[in-house]
Amino acid sequence: MPKMKSTSGAKKRFKKTASGQFKRRKAFRSHILSSKSRKRKRQLRKPTLVDETEIKKVVAMIQS
């Protein structure tokens, strides 16, 4: 049976940290930025970690 392929989008969106967590980019930063406050846009710039309830899904997408 052939190997399972990893999800291409997930490979580009998630990076594994040294402690085994996954780093991701925040949503709502792509367009209509004029209606968002300066503070909100600044906070959206920073990467964050994937929530522990979603880690199983991310691992499945990357390692399959």
Protein backbone atom coordinates (compact mmCIF):
# COMPACT_ATOMS: atom_id res chain seq x y z
CA MET A 1 0.00 0.00 0.00
CA PRO A 2 1.39 3.48 -0.81
CA LYS A 3 2.42 5.94 1.87
CA MET A 4 -0.13 8.48 3.07
CA LYS A 5 0.59 12.03 1.96
CA SER A 6 0.84 14.96 4.36
CA THR A 7 -1.60 17.82 3.86
CA SER A 8 0.31 20.39 1.80
CA GLY A 9 -1.46 23.36 3.39
CA ALA A 10 -0.67 22.15 6.90
CA LYS A 11 3.04 21.78 6.09
CA LYS A 12 3.11 25.47 5.16
CA ARG A 13 0.99 26.74 8.06
CA PHE A 14 2.39 24.95 11.12
CA LYS A 15 5.90 24.66 12.56
CA LYS A 16 6.82 22.35 15.43
CA THR A 17 8.60 23.98 18.39
CA ALA A 18 11.40 22.41 20.41
CA SER A 19 8.94 21.56 23.20
CA GLY A 20 6.68 19.70 20.76
CA GLN A 21 3.96 22.31 20.41
CA PHE A 22 2.87 23.83 17.11
CA LYS A 23 3.25 27.45 16.11
CA ARG A 24 0.62 29.09 13.90
CA ARG A 25 -0.26 32.46 12.43
CA LYS A 26 -3.30 34.38 13.68
CA ALA A 27 -6.38 34.81 11.51
CA PHE A 28 -8.18 38.02 10.41
CA ARG A 29 -5.05 39.82 9.20
CA SER A 30 -5.44 39.54 5.43
CA HIS A 31 -7.82 42.34 4.32
CA ILE A 32 -10.22 45.10 5.45
CA LEU A 33 -7.56 46.32 7.86
CA SER A 34 -8.89 49.89 7.93
CA SER A 35 -11.77 48.87 10.19
CA LYS A 36 -9.47 47.16 12.70
CA SER A 37 -7.73 49.12 15.44
CA ARG A 38 -3.98 49.66 15.49
CA LYS A 39 -3.70 47.60 18.69
CA ARG A 40 -5.66 44.70 17.20
CA LYS A 41 -3.52 44.63 14.03
CA ARG A 42 -0.33 44.75 16.09
CA GLN A 43 -1.46 41.81 18.22
CA LEU A 44 -2.44 39.80 15.13
CA ARG A 45 1.14 40.09 13.83
CA LYS A 46 2.57 37.83 16.51
CA PRO A 47 2.47 34.07 16.06
CA THR A 48 0.75 31.92 18.66
CA LEU A 49 0.53 28.26 19.62
CA VAL A 50 -2.11 25.79 18.45
CA ASP A 51 -4.57 25.00 21.23
CA GLU A 52 -4.11 21.62 22.91
CA THR A 53 -7.59 20.53 21.76
CA GLU A 54 -6.50 20.89 18.12
CA ILE A 55 -3.00 19.35 18.30
CA LYS A 56 -4.22 15.83 17.38
CA LYS A 57 -5.72 17.18 14.14
CA VAL A 58 -2.56 19.08 13.22
CA VAL A 59 -0.36 16.04 13.88
CA ALA A 60 -2.67 13.90 11.74
CA MET A 61 -2.44 16.37 8.85
CA ILE A 62 1.34 16.70 9.01
CA GLN A 63 2.42 13.12 9.75
CA SER A 64 -0.05 11.22 7.60
